[in-house]
Amino acid sequence: MTPATVVRLTAVALAIVAVSDVAPQARGHAWLALTALALVYGLACWAFPYGKCRPCKGMGRFHGGLGGIRLCKRCDGSGLKLRAGRKFLNSLRRHARRGR
């Protein structure tokens, strides 16, 4: 299992504990851990806005069936994609600017 998968599964488990009656005594700790996880992800999106493009695995290109090379459509050959959290931060920033 990759570290990203472990983090996702941990977040899902914490969310289940936080909103259900599975372990009522751990509910406060689960909310605290979810808040910390969201804060760390937000800081990571701020500091490192781009992640590897998944379809091309960060290479920016594919090897064709006949030996040719073509650029990735999703990242336009850069190998980088804007993270979902960064898109959310950018939309919040745009919304705040429009509200002025």
Protein backbone atom coordinates (compact mmCIF):
# COMPACT_ATOMS: atom_id res chain seq x y z
CA MET A 1 0.00 0.00 0.00
CA THR A 2 1.30 3.44 -0.87
CA PRO A 3 1.56 6.20 1.75
CA ALA A 4 -1.19 8.16 -0.01
CA THR A 5 -3.55 5.19 0.28
CA VAL A 6 -2.76 4.86 3.98
CA VAL A 7 -3.54 8.55 4.53
CA ARG A 8 -6.83 8.25 2.61
CA LEU A 9 -7.91 5.17 4.55
CA THR A 10 -6.98 6.85 7.84
CA ALA A 11 -9.03 9.93 6.91
CA VAL A 12 -12.04 7.77 6.04
CA ALA A 13 -11.73 5.82 9.28
CA LEU A 14 -11.47 9.02 11.31
CA ALA A 15 -14.50 10.48 9.55
CA ILE A 16 -16.53 7.36 10.33
CA VAL A 17 -15.53 7.48 14.00
CA ALA A 18 -16.23 11.23 14.19
CA VAL A 19 -19.83 11.00 12.96
CA SER A 20 -20.98 7.59 14.16
CA ASP A 21 -21.61 5.86 17.46
CA VAL A 22 -18.88 3.26 16.88
CA ALA A 23 -16.59 4.71 19.55
CA PRO A 24 -18.20 7.70 21.27
CA GLN A 25 -15.25 8.21 23.62
CA ALA A 26 -12.92 8.75 20.63
CA ARG A 27 -15.14 11.25 18.82
CA GLY A 28 -13.31 14.36 20.04
CA HIS A 29 -9.92 12.92 19.16
CA ALA A 30 -11.19 11.95 15.71
CA TRP A 31 -12.38 15.51 15.01
CA LEU A 32 -9.05 16.88 16.21
CA ALA A 33 -7.15 14.46 13.98
CA LEU A 34 -9.36 15.30 10.96
CA THR A 35 -8.79 19.01 11.54
CA ALA A 36 -5.03 18.47 11.77
CA LEU A 37 -5.08 16.34 8.62
CA ALA A 38 -7.04 19.01 6.73
CA LEU A 39 -4.62 21.71 7.92
CA VAL A 40 -1.57 19.73 6.83
CA TYR A 41 -3.17 19.04 3.42
CA GLY A 42 -4.02 22.72 3.03
CA LEU A 43 -0.44 23.72 3.80
CA ALA A 44 0.86 21.10 1.37
CA CYS A 45 -1.44 22.45 -1.35
CA TRP A 46 -0.21 25.96 -0.63
CA ALA A 47 3.49 25.02 -0.62
CA PHE A 48 3.39 22.41 -3.41
CA PRO A 49 0.45 23.27 -5.70
CA TYR A 50 1.33 20.75 -8.41
CA GLY A 51 1.35 16.98 -8.22
CA LYS A 52 2.27 14.31 -10.72
CA CYS A 53 -0.22 13.68 -13.50
CA ARG A 54 -1.67 10.22 -12.88
CA PRO A 55 -2.32 9.00 -16.45
CA CYS A 56 1.26 9.64 -17.63
CA LYS A 57 2.83 9.14 -14.16
CA GLY A 58 4.51 12.55 -14.34
CA MET A 59 6.35 11.85 -17.59
CA GLY A 60 4.15 14.03 -19.81
CA ARG A 61 4.06 11.52 -22.62
CA PHE A 62 2.81 8.08 -23.62
CA HIS A 63 4.43 5.46 -25.78
CA GLY A 64 2.12 4.58 -28.62
CA GLY A 65 1.28 1.09 -29.78
CA LEU A 66 3.51 1.36 -32.86
CA GLY A 67 6.50 2.79 -30.99
CA GLY A 68 5.62 6.46 -31.34
CA ILE A 69 5.45 8.95 -28.50
CA ARG A 70 2.52 11.29 -27.89
CA LEU A 71 1.94 13.99 -25.32
CA CYS A 72 -0.46 13.47 -22.42
CA LYS A 73 -3.81 15.17 -22.99
CA ARG A 74 -4.49 15.85 -19.32
CA CYS A 75 -1.31 17.74 -18.46
CA ASP A 76 -0.43 18.98 -21.99
CA GLY A 77 2.94 17.27 -21.75
CA SER A 78 4.12 18.99 -18.57
CA GLY A 79 3.68 15.94 -16.30
CA LEU A 80 2.09 18.13 -13.62
CA LYS A 81 -1.52 18.66 -12.51
CA LEU A 82 -2.92 21.23 -10.13
CA ARG A 83 -3.98 19.53 -6.90
CA ALA A 84 -7.67 19.46 -5.97
CA GLY A 85 -6.99 21.33 -2.73
CA ARG A 86 -5.13 24.05 -4.61
CA LYS A 87 -8.04 24.42 -7.04
CA PHE A 88 -10.28 24.91 -3.99
CA LEU A 89 -7.91 27.52 -2.49
CA ASN A 90 -7.77 29.34 -5.84
CA SER A 91 -11.56 29.41 -6.07
CA LEU A 92 -11.81 30.79 -2.52
CA ARG A 93 -9.28 33.49 -3.40
CA ARG A 94 -11.19 34.38 -6.60
CA HIS A 95 -14.46 34.53 -4.67
CA ALA A 96 -12.94 36.81 -2.03
CA ARG A 97 -11.56 39.15 -4.70
CA ARG A 98 -14.92 39.41 -6.45
CA GLY A 99 -16.65 40.21 -3.19
CA ARG A 100 -14.64 43.39 -2.65
